[in-house]
C-alpha atoms as a PDB file:
ATOM      1  CA  UNK A   1     -35.378 -15.547 -10.269  1.00  0.00           C
ATOM      2  CA  UNK A   2     -32.994 -15.828  -7.334  1.00  0.00           C
ATOM      3  CA  UNK A   3     -33.193 -19.248  -5.761  1.00  0.00           C
ATOM      4  CA  UNK A   4     -30.787 -21.293  -3.662  1.00  0.00           C
ATOM      5  CA  UNK A   5     -28.806 -23.993  -5.399  1.00  0.00           C
ATOM      6  CA  UNK A   6     -28.403 -22.259  -8.771  1.00  0.00           C
ATOM      7  CA  UNK A   7     -24.999 -22.539 -10.421  1.00  0.00           C
ATOM      8  CA  UNK A   8     -23.460 -19.086 -10.528  1.00  0.00           C
ATOM      9  CA  UNK A   9     -21.672 -17.569 -13.501  1.00  0.00           C
ATOM     10  CA  UNK A  10     -18.910 -16.050 -11.393  1.00  0.00           C
ATOM     11  CA  UNK A  11     -16.480 -18.529  -9.866  1.00  0.00           C
ATOM     12  CA  UNK A  12     -15.025 -16.082  -7.360  1.00  0.00           C
ATOM     13  CA  UNK A  13     -17.637 -13.362  -6.751  1.00  0.00           C
ATOM     14  CA  UNK A  14     -21.315 -14.266  -6.907  1.00  0.00           C
ATOM     15  CA  UNK A  15     -22.240 -10.638  -7.513  1.00  0.00           C
ATOM     16  CA  UNK A  16     -20.179  -8.559  -9.928  1.00  0.00           C
ATOM     17  CA  UNK A  17     -20.400  -4.796  -9.383  1.00  0.00           C
ATOM     18  CA  UNK A  18     -20.386  -2.728 -12.572  1.00  0.00           C
ATOM     19  CA  UNK A  19     -20.916   0.917 -13.421  1.00  0.00           C
ATOM     20  CA  UNK A  20     -24.036   2.189 -15.139  1.00  0.00           C
ATOM     21  CA  UNK A  21     -24.133   0.364 -18.470  1.00  0.00           C
ATOM     22  CA  UNK A  22     -27.289   0.070 -20.558  1.00  0.00           C
ATOM     23  CA  UNK A  23     -25.629  -1.784 -23.416  1.00  0.00           C
ATOM     24  CA  UNK A  24     -27.028  -5.254 -23.826  1.00  0.00           C
ATOM     25  CA  UNK A  25     -30.029  -4.700 -21.543  1.00  0.00           C
ATOM     26  CA  UNK A  26     -32.717  -7.336 -21.950  1.00  0.00           C
ATOM     27  CA  UNK A  27     -36.134  -8.385 -20.760  1.00  0.00           C
ATOM     28  CA  UNK A  28     -34.379 -10.793 -18.387  1.00  0.00           C
ATOM     29  CA  UNK A  29     -32.685  -7.982 -16.443  1.00  0.00           C
ATOM     30  CA  UNK A  30     -33.364  -8.049 -12.700  1.00  0.00           C
ATOM     31  CA  UNK A  31     -35.014  -4.812 -11.554  1.00  0.00           C
ATOM     32  CA  UNK A  32     -34.812  -3.587  -7.967  1.00  0.00           C
ATOM     33  CA  UNK A  33     -37.661  -1.076  -8.163  1.00  0.00           C
ATOM     34  CA  UNK A  34     -37.950   1.394  -5.287  1.00  0.00           C
ATOM     35  CA  UNK A  35     -40.970   3.499  -4.430  1.00  0.00           C
ATOM     36  CA  UNK A  36     -40.714   5.867  -1.461  1.00  0.00           C
ATOM     37  CA  UNK A  37     -37.903   3.786   0.006  1.00  0.00           C
ATOM     38  CA  UNK A  38     -39.676   0.449  -0.382  1.00  0.00           C
ATOM     39  CA  UNK A  39     -39.214  -2.312  -2.930  1.00  0.00           C
ATOM     40  CA  UNK A  40     -41.640  -3.822  -5.450  1.00  0.00           C
ATOM     41  CA  UNK A  41     -41.591  -7.641  -5.430  1.00  0.00           C
ATOM     42  CA  UNK A  42     -43.639 -10.320  -7.178  1.00  0.00           C
ATOM     43  CA  UNK A  43     -45.251 -13.469  -5.819  1.00  0.00           C
ATOM     44  CA  UNK A  44     -44.843 -16.553  -7.974  1.00  0.00           C
ATOM     45  CA  UNK A  45     -45.847 -20.069  -6.898  1.00  0.00           C
ATOM     46  CA  UNK A  46     -45.724 -19.099  -3.224  1.00  0.00           C
ATOM     47  CA  UNK A  47     -42.255 -17.595  -3.636  1.00  0.00           C
ATOM     48  CA  UNK A  48     -41.265 -13.927  -3.475  1.00  0.00           C
ATOM     49  CA  UNK A  49     -39.066 -12.861  -6.395  1.00  0.00           C
ATOM     50  CA  UNK A  50     -37.359  -9.722  -7.620  1.00  0.00           C
ATOM     51  CA  UNK A  51     -39.171  -8.988 -10.915  1.00  0.00           C
ATOM     52  CA  UNK A  52     -37.639  -9.014 -14.381  1.00  0.00           C
ATOM     53  CA  UNK A  53     -37.657  -6.044 -16.730  1.00  0.00           C
ATOM     54  CA  UNK A  54     -40.484  -7.433 -18.855  1.00  0.00           C
ATOM     55  CA  UNK A  55     -42.659  -7.747 -15.749  1.00  0.00           C
ATOM     56  CA  UNK A  56     -41.885  -4.199 -14.621  1.00  0.00           C
ATOM     57  CA  UNK A  57     -42.616  -2.725 -18.054  1.00  0.00           C
ATOM     58  CA  UNK A  58     -46.114  -4.207 -17.941  1.00  0.00           C
ATOM     59  CA  UNK A  59     -46.863  -2.116 -14.837  1.00  0.00           C
ATOM     60  CA  UNK A  60     -46.528   1.193 -16.746  1.00  0.00           C
ATOM     61  CA  UNK A  61     -44.658   2.919 -13.925  1.00  0.00           C
ATOM     62  CA  UNK A  62     -43.408   6.504 -14.049  1.00  0.00           C
ATOM     63  CA  UNK A  63     -39.636   6.174 -13.673  1.00  0.00           C
ATOM     64  CA  UNK A  64     -37.466   8.877 -12.106  1.00  0.00           C
ATOM     65  CA  UNK A  65     -34.104   7.187 -12.602  1.00  0.00           C
ATOM     66  CA  UNK A  66     -32.657   3.891 -13.740  1.00  0.00           C
ATOM     67  CA  UNK A  67     -29.141   2.529 -13.843  1.00  0.00           C
ATOM     68  CA  UNK A  68     -27.283  -0.758 -13.917  1.00  0.00           C
ATOM     69  CA  UNK A  69     -25.206  -1.554 -10.835  1.00  0.00           C
ATOM     70  CA  UNK A  70     -24.131  -5.163 -11.265  1.00  0.00           C
ATOM     71  CA  UNK A  71     -24.590  -8.706 -12.542  1.00  0.00           C
ATOM     72  CA  UNK A  72     -25.823 -11.742 -10.670  1.00  0.00           C
ATOM     73  CA  UNK A  73     -26.470 -15.216 -12.009  1.00  0.00           C
ATOM     74  CA  UNK A  74     -28.708 -14.853 -15.068  1.00  0.00           C
ATOM     75  CA  UNK A  75     -28.466 -11.173 -15.928  1.00  0.00           C
ATOM     76  CA  UNK A  76     -27.761  -7.567 -15.138  1.00  0.00           C
ATOM     77  CA  UNK A  77     -29.179  -5.894 -12.047  1.00  0.00           C
ATOM     78  CA  UNK A  78     -30.820  -2.480 -12.312  1.00  0.00           C
ATOM     79  CA  UNK A  79     -31.844   0.102  -9.754  1.00  0.00           C
ATOM     80  CA  UNK A  80     -35.103   1.808 -10.681  1.00  0.00           C
ATOM     81  CA  UNK A  81     -36.770   4.604  -8.730  1.00  0.00           C
ATOM     82  CA  UNK A  82     -40.387   5.259  -9.641  1.00  0.00           C
ATOM     83  CA  UNK A  83     -43.298   7.457  -8.654  1.00  0.00           C
ATOM     84  CA  UNK A  84     -47.082   7.622  -8.941  1.00  0.00           C
ATOM     85  CA  UNK A  85     -47.951   3.989  -8.331  1.00  0.00           C
ATOM     86  CA  UNK A  86     -51.730   3.951  -8.577  1.00  0.00           C
ATOM     87  CA  UNK A  87     -52.429   0.244  -8.356  1.00  0.00           C
ATOM     88  CA  UNK A  88     -50.364  -2.926  -8.555  1.00  0.00           C
ATOM     89  CA  UNK A  89     -51.674  -6.293  -9.787  1.00  0.00           C
ATOM     90  CA  UNK A  90     -52.442  -8.825  -7.093  1.00  0.00           C
ATOM     91  CA  UNK A  91     -49.225 -10.756  -7.580  1.00  0.00           C
ATOM     92  CA  UNK A  92     -47.116  -7.644  -6.882  1.00  0.00           C
ATOM     93  CA  UNK A  93     -46.580  -5.987  -3.530  1.00  0.00           C
ATOM     94  CA  UNK A  94     -44.480  -3.266  -1.928  1.00  0.00           C
ATOM     95  CA  UNK A  95     -42.313  -4.265   1.037  1.00  0.00           C
ATOM     96  CA  UNK A  96     -39.725  -2.558   3.191  1.00  0.00           C
ATOM     97  CA  UNK A  97     -36.151  -3.707   2.838  1.00  0.00           C
ATOM     98  CA  UNK A  98     -36.314  -5.114   6.362  1.00  0.00           C
ATOM     99  CA  UNK A  99     -39.434  -7.120   5.500  1.00  0.00           C
ATOM    100  CA  UNK A 100     -37.675  -8.418   2.400  1.00  0.00           C
ATOM    101  CA  UNK A 101     -35.037 -10.008   4.586  1.00  0.00           C
ATOM    102  CA  UNK A 102     -37.702 -12.274   6.115  1.00  0.00           C
ATOM    103  CA  UNK A 103     -39.105 -13.602   2.844  1.00  0.00           C
ATOM    104  CA  UNK A 104     -36.280 -13.911   0.318  1.00  0.00           C
ATOM    105  CA  UNK A 105     -32.899 -15.566  -0.117  1.00  0.00           C
ATOM    106  CA  UNK A 106     -30.234 -13.950   2.066  1.00  0.00           C
ATOM    107  CA  UNK A 107     -27.856 -13.225  -0.816  1.00  0.00           C
ATOM    108  CA  UNK A 108     -30.607 -11.446  -2.758  1.00  0.00           C
ATOM    109  CA  UNK A 109     -31.499  -9.451   0.346  1.00  0.00           C
ATOM    110  CA  UNK A 110     -27.976  -8.073   0.530  1.00  0.00           C
ATOM    111  CA  UNK A 111     -27.926  -7.265  -3.193  1.00  0.00           C
ATOM    112  CA  UNK A 112     -31.159  -5.337  -2.619  1.00  0.00           C
ATOM    113  CA  UNK A 113     -29.408  -3.608   0.285  1.00  0.00           C
ATOM    114  CA  UNK A 114     -26.552  -2.647  -2.026  1.00  0.00           C
ATOM    115  CA  UNK A 115     -29.086  -1.173  -4.444  1.00  0.00           C
ATOM    116  CA  UNK A 116     -30.726   0.784  -1.617  1.00  0.00           C
ATOM    117  CA  UNK A 117     -27.322   2.045  -0.440  1.00  0.00           C
ATOM    118  CA  UNK A 118     -26.374   3.284  -3.910  1.00  0.00           C
ATOM    119  CA  UNK A 119     -29.769   4.889  -4.492  1.00  0.00           C
ATOM    120  CA  UNK A 120     -29.662   6.780  -1.185  1.00  0.00           C
ATOM    121  CA  UNK A 121     -26.130   7.958  -1.879  1.00  0.00           C
ATOM    122  CA  UNK A 122     -27.111   9.112  -5.361  1.00  0.00           C
ATOM    123  CA  UNK A 123     -30.147  11.031  -4.071  1.00  0.00           C
ATOM    124  CA  UNK A 124     -28.272  12.665  -1.183  1.00  0.00           C
ATOM    125  CA  UNK A 125     -25.203  13.821  -3.119  1.00  0.00           C
ATOM    126  CA  UNK A 126     -26.616  15.758  -6.026  1.00  0.00           C
ATOM    127  CA  UNK A 127     -24.555  18.781  -5.008  1.00  0.00           C
ATOM    128  CA  UNK A 128     -20.967  19.263  -3.962  1.00  0.00           C
ATOM    129  CA  UNK A 129     -20.454  19.453  -0.197  1.00  0.00           C
ATOM    130  CA  UNK A 130     -17.489  21.783  -0.707  1.00  0.00           C
ATOM    131  CA  UNK A 131     -18.890  24.494  -2.992  1.00  0.00           C
ATOM    132  CA  UNK A 132     -22.548  23.598  -3.576  1.00  0.00           C
ATOM    133  CA  UNK A 133     -22.314  23.204  -7.369  1.00  0.00           C
ATOM    134  CA  UNK A 134     -24.050  20.241  -9.087  1.00  0.00           C
ATOM    135  CA  UNK A 135     -22.347  16.843  -9.073  1.00  0.00           C
ATOM    136  CA  UNK A 136     -22.217  14.458 -12.008  1.00  0.00           C
ATOM    137  CA  UNK A 137     -21.349  10.762 -12.158  1.00  0.00           C
ATOM    138  CA  UNK A 138     -17.654  10.026 -12.548  1.00  0.00           C
ATOM    139  CA  UNK A 139     -17.079   8.030 -15.711  1.00  0.00           C
ATOM    140  CA  UNK A 140     -14.491   5.507 -14.523  1.00  0.00           C
ATOM    141  CA  UNK A 141     -15.615   4.620 -10.975  1.00  0.00           C
ATOM    142  CA  UNK A 142     -18.599   4.768  -8.649  1.00  0.00           C
ATOM    143  CA  UNK A 143     -18.193   8.354  -7.507  1.00  0.00           C
ATOM    144  CA  UNK A 144     -19.527  11.881  -7.993  1.00  0.00           C
ATOM    145  CA  UNK A 145     -17.435  14.746  -9.312  1.00  0.00           C
ATOM    146  CA  UNK A 146     -18.258  18.421  -8.841  1.00  0.00           C
ATOM    147  CA  UNK A 147     -18.857  20.342 -12.065  1.00  0.00           C
ATOM    148  CA  UNK A 148     -17.209  23.442 -10.590  1.00  0.00           C
ATOM    149  CA  UNK A 149     -14.380  22.614  -8.189  1.00  0.00           C
ATOM    150  CA  UNK A 150     -13.755  19.012  -9.213  1.00  0.00           C
ATOM    151  CA  UNK A 151     -14.178  17.539  -5.728  1.00  0.00           C
ATOM    152  CA  UNK A 152     -14.773  13.778  -5.843  1.00  0.00           C
ATOM    153  CA  UNK A 153     -17.325  12.114  -3.541  1.00  0.00           C
ATOM    154  CA  UNK A 154     -17.499   8.362  -3.006  1.00  0.00           C
ATOM    155  CA  UNK A 155     -20.383   6.328  -1.568  1.00  0.00           C
ATOM    156  CA  UNK A 156     -20.665   6.917   2.167  1.00  0.00           C
ATOM    157  CA  UNK A 157     -20.029   3.806   4.277  1.00  0.00           C
ATOM    158  CA  UNK A 158     -20.501   4.142   8.031  1.00  0.00           C
ATOM    159  CA  UNK A 159     -18.575   1.508  10.041  1.00  0.00           C
ATOM    160  CA  UNK A 160     -20.190   0.200  13.204  1.00  0.00           C
ATOM    161  CA  UNK A 161     -19.189  -2.486  15.683  1.00  0.00           C
ATOM    162  CA  UNK A 162     -21.424  -5.166  17.146  1.00  0.00           C
ATOM    163  CA  UNK A 163     -20.210  -7.292  20.025  1.00  0.00           C
ATOM    164  CA  UNK A 164     -21.386 -10.463  21.755  1.00  0.00           C
ATOM    165  CA  UNK A 165     -20.186 -10.458  25.375  1.00  0.00           C
ATOM    166  CA  UNK A 166     -20.019 -13.778  27.182  1.00  0.00           C
ATOM    167  CA  UNK A 167     -19.505 -14.713  30.821  1.00  0.00           C
ATOM    168  CA  UNK A 168     -19.064 -18.441  31.082  1.00  0.00           C
ATOM    169  CA  UNK A 169     -22.232 -19.995  29.664  1.00  0.00           C
ATOM    170  CA  UNK A 170     -24.112 -16.677  29.630  1.00  0.00           C
ATOM    171  CA  UNK A 171     -24.434 -13.947  27.008  1.00  0.00           C
ATOM    172  CA  UNK A 172     -25.265 -10.293  27.613  1.00  0.00           C
ATOM    173  CA  UNK A 173     -28.371  -9.153  25.730  1.00  0.00           C
ATOM    174  CA  UNK A 174     -29.887  -5.689  25.801  1.00  0.00           C
ATOM    175  CA  UNK A 175     -33.165  -4.039  24.832  1.00  0.00           C
ATOM    176  CA  UNK A 176     -32.701  -0.881  22.779  1.00  0.00           C
ATOM    177  CA  UNK A 177     -35.437   1.755  22.944  1.00  0.00           C
ATOM    178  CA  UNK A 178     -35.905   1.426  19.165  1.00  0.00           C
ATOM    179  CA  UNK A 179     -36.465  -2.340  19.213  1.00  0.00           C
ATOM    180  CA  UNK A 180     -39.996  -3.598  18.595  1.00  0.00           C
ATOM    181  CA  UNK A 181     -41.632  -6.745  19.980  1.00  0.00           C
ATOM    182  CA  UNK A 182     -39.515  -6.563  23.154  1.00  0.00           C
ATOM    183  CA  UNK A 183     -36.493  -7.842  21.231  1.00  0.00           C
ATOM    184  CA  UNK A 184     -33.130  -8.191  22.973  1.00  0.00           C
ATOM    185  CA  UNK A 185     -29.864  -8.165  21.046  1.00  0.00           C
ATOM    186  CA  UNK A 186     -26.129  -7.636  21.464  1.00  0.00           C
ATOM    187  CA  UNK A 187     -24.399  -4.276  21.879  1.00  0.00           C
ATOM    188  CA  UNK A 188     -23.675  -2.162  18.790  1.00  0.00           C
ATOM    189  CA  UNK A 189     -22.553   1.356  17.954  1.00  0.00           C
ATOM    190  CA  UNK A 190     -20.852   3.530  15.365  1.00  0.00           C
ATOM    191  CA  UNK A 191     -17.109   4.042  15.124  1.00  0.00           C
ATOM    192  CA  UNK A 192     -16.085   7.568  16.111  1.00  0.00           C
ATOM    193  CA  UNK A 193     -13.690   9.753  14.123  1.00  0.00           C
ATOM    194  CA  UNK A 194     -10.077   8.620  14.579  1.00  0.00           C
ATOM    195  CA  UNK A 195     -11.110   5.590  16.622  1.00  0.00           C
ATOM    196  CA  UNK A 196      -9.888   2.028  16.082  1.00  0.00           C
ATOM    197  CA  UNK A 197     -12.378  -0.837  16.199  1.00  0.00           C
ATOM    198  CA  UNK A 198     -11.260  -2.370  19.502  1.00  0.00           C
ATOM    199  CA  UNK A 199     -11.506   1.017  21.226  1.00  0.00           C
ATOM    200  CA  UNK A 200     -15.021   1.429  19.809  1.00  0.00           C
ATOM    201  CA  UNK A 201     -16.022  -1.961  21.206  1.00  0.00           C
ATOM    202  CA  UNK A 202     -14.747  -1.077  24.687  1.00  0.00           C
ATOM    203  CA  UNK A 203     -16.278   2.404  24.641  1.00  0.00           C
ATOM    204  CA  UNK A 204     -19.715   1.345  23.417  1.00  0.00           C
ATOM    205  CA  UNK A 205     -19.974  -1.462  25.946  1.00  0.00           C
ATOM    206  CA  UNK A 206     -18.909   0.749  28.846  1.00  0.00           C
ATOM    207  CA  UNK A 207     -21.181   3.627  27.769  1.00  0.00           C
ATOM    208  CA  UNK A 208     -24.264   1.475  27.236  1.00  0.00           C
ATOM    209  CA  UNK A 209     -24.078  -1.153  29.981  1.00  0.00           C
ATOM    210  CA  UNK A 210     -21.257  -0.013  32.303  1.00  0.00           C
ATOM    211  CA  UNK A 211     -19.018  -3.081  32.250  1.00  0.00           C
ATOM    212  CA  UNK A 212     -15.440  -3.746  31.149  1.00  0.00           C
ATOM    213  CA  UNK A 213     -14.523  -6.512  28.701  1.00  0.00           C
ATOM    214  CA  UNK A 214     -11.422  -8.448  27.575  1.00  0.00           C
ATOM    215  CA  UNK A 215     -10.221 -10.891  24.883  1.00  0.00           C
ATOM    216  CA  UNK A 216     -11.879  -9.082  21.989  1.00  0.00           C
ATOM    217  CA  UNK A 217     -11.858 -11.318  18.908  1.00  0.00           C
ATOM    218  CA  UNK A 218     -13.068 -10.614  15.388  1.00  0.00           C
ATOM    219  CA  UNK A 219     -16.099 -12.651  14.245  1.00  0.00           C
ATOM    220  CA  UNK A 220     -17.110 -11.348  10.814  1.00  0.00           C
ATOM    221  CA  UNK A 221     -18.936  -8.485   9.139  1.00  0.00           C
ATOM    222  CA  UNK A 222     -22.145  -7.713   7.323  1.00  0.00           C
ATOM    223  CA  UNK A 223     -23.323  -4.838   5.197  1.00  0.00           C
ATOM    224  CA  UNK A 224     -26.404  -3.245   6.747  1.00  0.00           C
ATOM    225  CA  UNK A 225     -27.892  -0.901   4.182  1.00  0.00           C
ATOM    226  CA  UNK A 226     -30.275   1.032   6.429  1.00  0.00           C
ATOM    227  CA  UNK A 227     -29.072   3.072   4.681  1.00  0.00           C
ATOM    228  CA  UNK A 228     -25.264   2.752   4.654  1.00  0.00           C
ATOM    229  CA  UNK A 229     -23.722   0.865   7.573  1.00  0.00           C
ATOM    230  CA  UNK A 230     -21.075  -1.847   7.675  1.00  0.00           C
ATOM    231  CA  UNK A 231     -21.448  -3.955  10.810  1.00  0.00           C
ATOM    232  CA  UNK A 232     -18.175  -5.431  12.107  1.00  0.00           C
ATOM    233  CA  UNK A 233     -18.737  -8.207  14.611  1.00  0.00           C
ATOM    234  CA  UNK A 234     -16.657  -9.204  17.634  1.00  0.00           C
ATOM    235  CA  UNK A 235     -16.867 -11.627  20.526  1.00  0.00           C
ATOM    236  CA  UNK A 236     -15.555 -10.504  23.915  1.00  0.00           C
ATOM    237  CA  UNK A 237     -15.431 -11.812  27.462  1.00  0.00           C
ATOM    238  CA  UNK A 238     -16.709 -10.122  30.617  1.00  0.00           C
ATOM    239  CA  UNK A 239     -13.923  -8.678  32.775  1.00  0.00           C
ATOM    240  CA  UNK A 240     -15.472  -6.613  35.571  1.00  0.00           C
ATOM    241  CA  UNK A 241     -18.283  -4.330  36.670  1.00  0.00           C
ATOM    242  CA  UNK A 242     -22.042  -4.494  37.207  1.00  0.00           C
ATOM    243  CA  UNK A 243     -24.593  -3.928  34.459  1.00  0.00           C
ATOM    244  CA  UNK A 244     -25.829  -0.363  34.503  1.00  0.00           C
ATOM    245  CA  UNK A 245     -27.785   0.666  31.403  1.00  0.00           C
ATOM    246  CA  UNK A 246     -27.513   4.212  30.093  1.00  0.00           C
ATOM    247  CA  UNK A 247     -31.319   4.663  30.174  1.00  0.00           C
ATOM    248  CA  UNK A 248     -31.226   6.641  26.944  1.00  0.00           C
ATOM    249  CA  UNK A 249     -30.388   4.134  24.222  1.00  0.00           C
ATOM    250  CA  UNK A 250     -30.425   0.912  26.259  1.00  0.00           C
ATOM    251  CA  UNK A 251     -33.450   0.422  28.511  1.00  0.00           C
ATOM    252  CA  UNK A 252     -32.619  -2.993  29.922  1.00  0.00           C
ATOM    253  CA  UNK A 253     -29.787  -5.543  29.812  1.00  0.00           C
ATOM    254  CA  UNK A 254     -29.104  -8.867  31.512  1.00  0.00           C
ATOM    255  CA  UNK A 255     -27.147 -12.110  31.315  1.00  0.00           C
ATOM    256  CA  UNK A 256     -28.942 -15.014  29.649  1.00  0.00           C
ATOM    257  CA  UNK A 257     -28.246 -18.733  29.321  1.00  0.00           C
ATOM    258  CA  UNK A 258     -29.049 -20.512  26.055  1.00  0.00           C
ATOM    259  CA  UNK A 259     -32.157 -22.108  27.597  1.00  0.00           C
ATOM    260  CA  UNK A 260     -33.834 -18.855  28.720  1.00  0.00           C
ATOM    261  CA  UNK A 261     -33.265 -16.451  25.843  1.00  0.00           C
ATOM    262  CA  UNK A 262     -35.691 -13.553  25.236  1.00  0.00           C
ATOM    263  CA  UNK A 263     -37.104 -12.477  21.851  1.00  0.00           C
ATOM    264  CA  UNK A 264     -34.163 -12.330  19.439  1.00  0.00           C
ATOM    265  CA  UNK A 265     -33.364 -10.459  16.186  1.00  0.00           C
ATOM    266  CA  UNK A 266     -34.323 -11.985  12.846  1.00  0.00           C
ATOM    267  CA  UNK A 267     -32.225 -14.695  11.260  1.00  0.00           C
ATOM    268  CA  UNK A 268     -30.667 -12.594   8.468  1.00  0.00           C
ATOM    269  CA  UNK A 269     -28.889 -10.199  10.852  1.00  0.00           C
ATOM    270  CA  UNK A 270     -25.305 -10.581  12.013  1.00  0.00           C
ATOM    271  CA  UNK A 271     -26.586 -10.095  15.566  1.00  0.00           C
ATOM    272  CA  UNK A 272     -28.682 -13.266  15.304  1.00  0.00           C
ATOM    273  CA  UNK A 273     -25.850 -15.180  13.641  1.00  0.00           C
ATOM    274  CA  UNK A 274     -23.573 -14.307  16.558  1.00  0.00           C
ATOM    275  CA  UNK A 275     -26.193 -15.261  19.133  1.00  0.00           C
ATOM    276  CA  UNK A 276     -26.737 -18.569  17.304  1.00  0.00           C
ATOM    277  CA  UNK A 277     -22.965 -19.105  17.368  1.00  0.00           C
ATOM    278  CA  UNK A 278     -23.024 -18.643  21.157  1.00  0.00           C
ATOM    279  CA  UNK A 279     -25.828 -21.205  21.417  1.00  0.00           C
ATOM    280  CA  UNK A 280     -23.903 -23.766  19.361  1.00  0.00           C
ATOM    281  CA  UNK A 281     -20.817 -23.269  21.516  1.00  0.00           C
ATOM    282  CA  UNK A 282     -22.841 -24.096  24.606  1.00  0.00           C
ATOM    283  CA  UNK A 283     -24.714 -27.158  23.356  1.00  0.00           C
END
C-alpha cells in the first residue's frame, strides 16, 4: 500500500490532514487499526503493509471508534480503535508503534504516529479540564469544545529538545536507565514552562551530564508520537566541565569517536540521524 517511489497526489504536502469525513469512503481506504495501543498490520509478499478497509472488514472486528484523519497517496486514512480480537489470520499481526518503525517505510511510520497521537488525545480529553462536563468534537477544526462552558481544547503537543554534543572528533553519548540493549544516545529532555529552546538545551545537558556547551545550532525536528512529543534537534560544542551523570535518569556517559561507537538508537529516530550526521562529518 505504502511503498517508496510512488508518485504522490499532493505536490506540496505528501500527507493532507483533514477532519473526520466519511463521505466518499471506499474499500481502498487505509486503516490504522489500534488494539490496546498496538497496530494491526498485514504481511504481503514479504512486505509489511497497513491494511485496506476491505481487508479489515473481513476480520469481523468489534469497533469502538472510527474517523478519517487525512489523505495519503491512493486514498483516505482512517483511525480505527477495536476490541475483542480473538484470532487474526496468519498474514496479520499486531505490533507496537516502535516495532513498526523497524519494518515499514519511514513516512508511513510517522503517519501511524500521527494517528496514535490523535487517538490518545481523543481518548484522554473526553471531559473538560475546566469544569468536568463532556467534550464534543469541534466542527471546523481539530479540537474539543466543552458542552457546558465552551472551553476549547486542542491536541496536546509536548516539545522536547535533543542535542548532539561534539568535542573535536568525538561525540557525547549517554545511557538512559530506560534504554534497552545497552543503547547509548544523545541528550534529550522536555521544554519547561516559559523556557526557550536554547535554555532547555543548556539546562538539560548540565543537569544530566554536568558540562557546559556553546555554539548551539538548530539541526531539524521530528514528531515522536509516544504519545505526543515533538523532538527539536540541535548540535552543540563542548565548552567546559567534566562528565558527571545525574545517576537518576542517565547512568553512564562518555566521549566516543566514530570508530568505537556503542549500541545506537534505531535508524528511524532523529537521534540516530544526528549521530549518523556526526559520522559523515568525520569521515
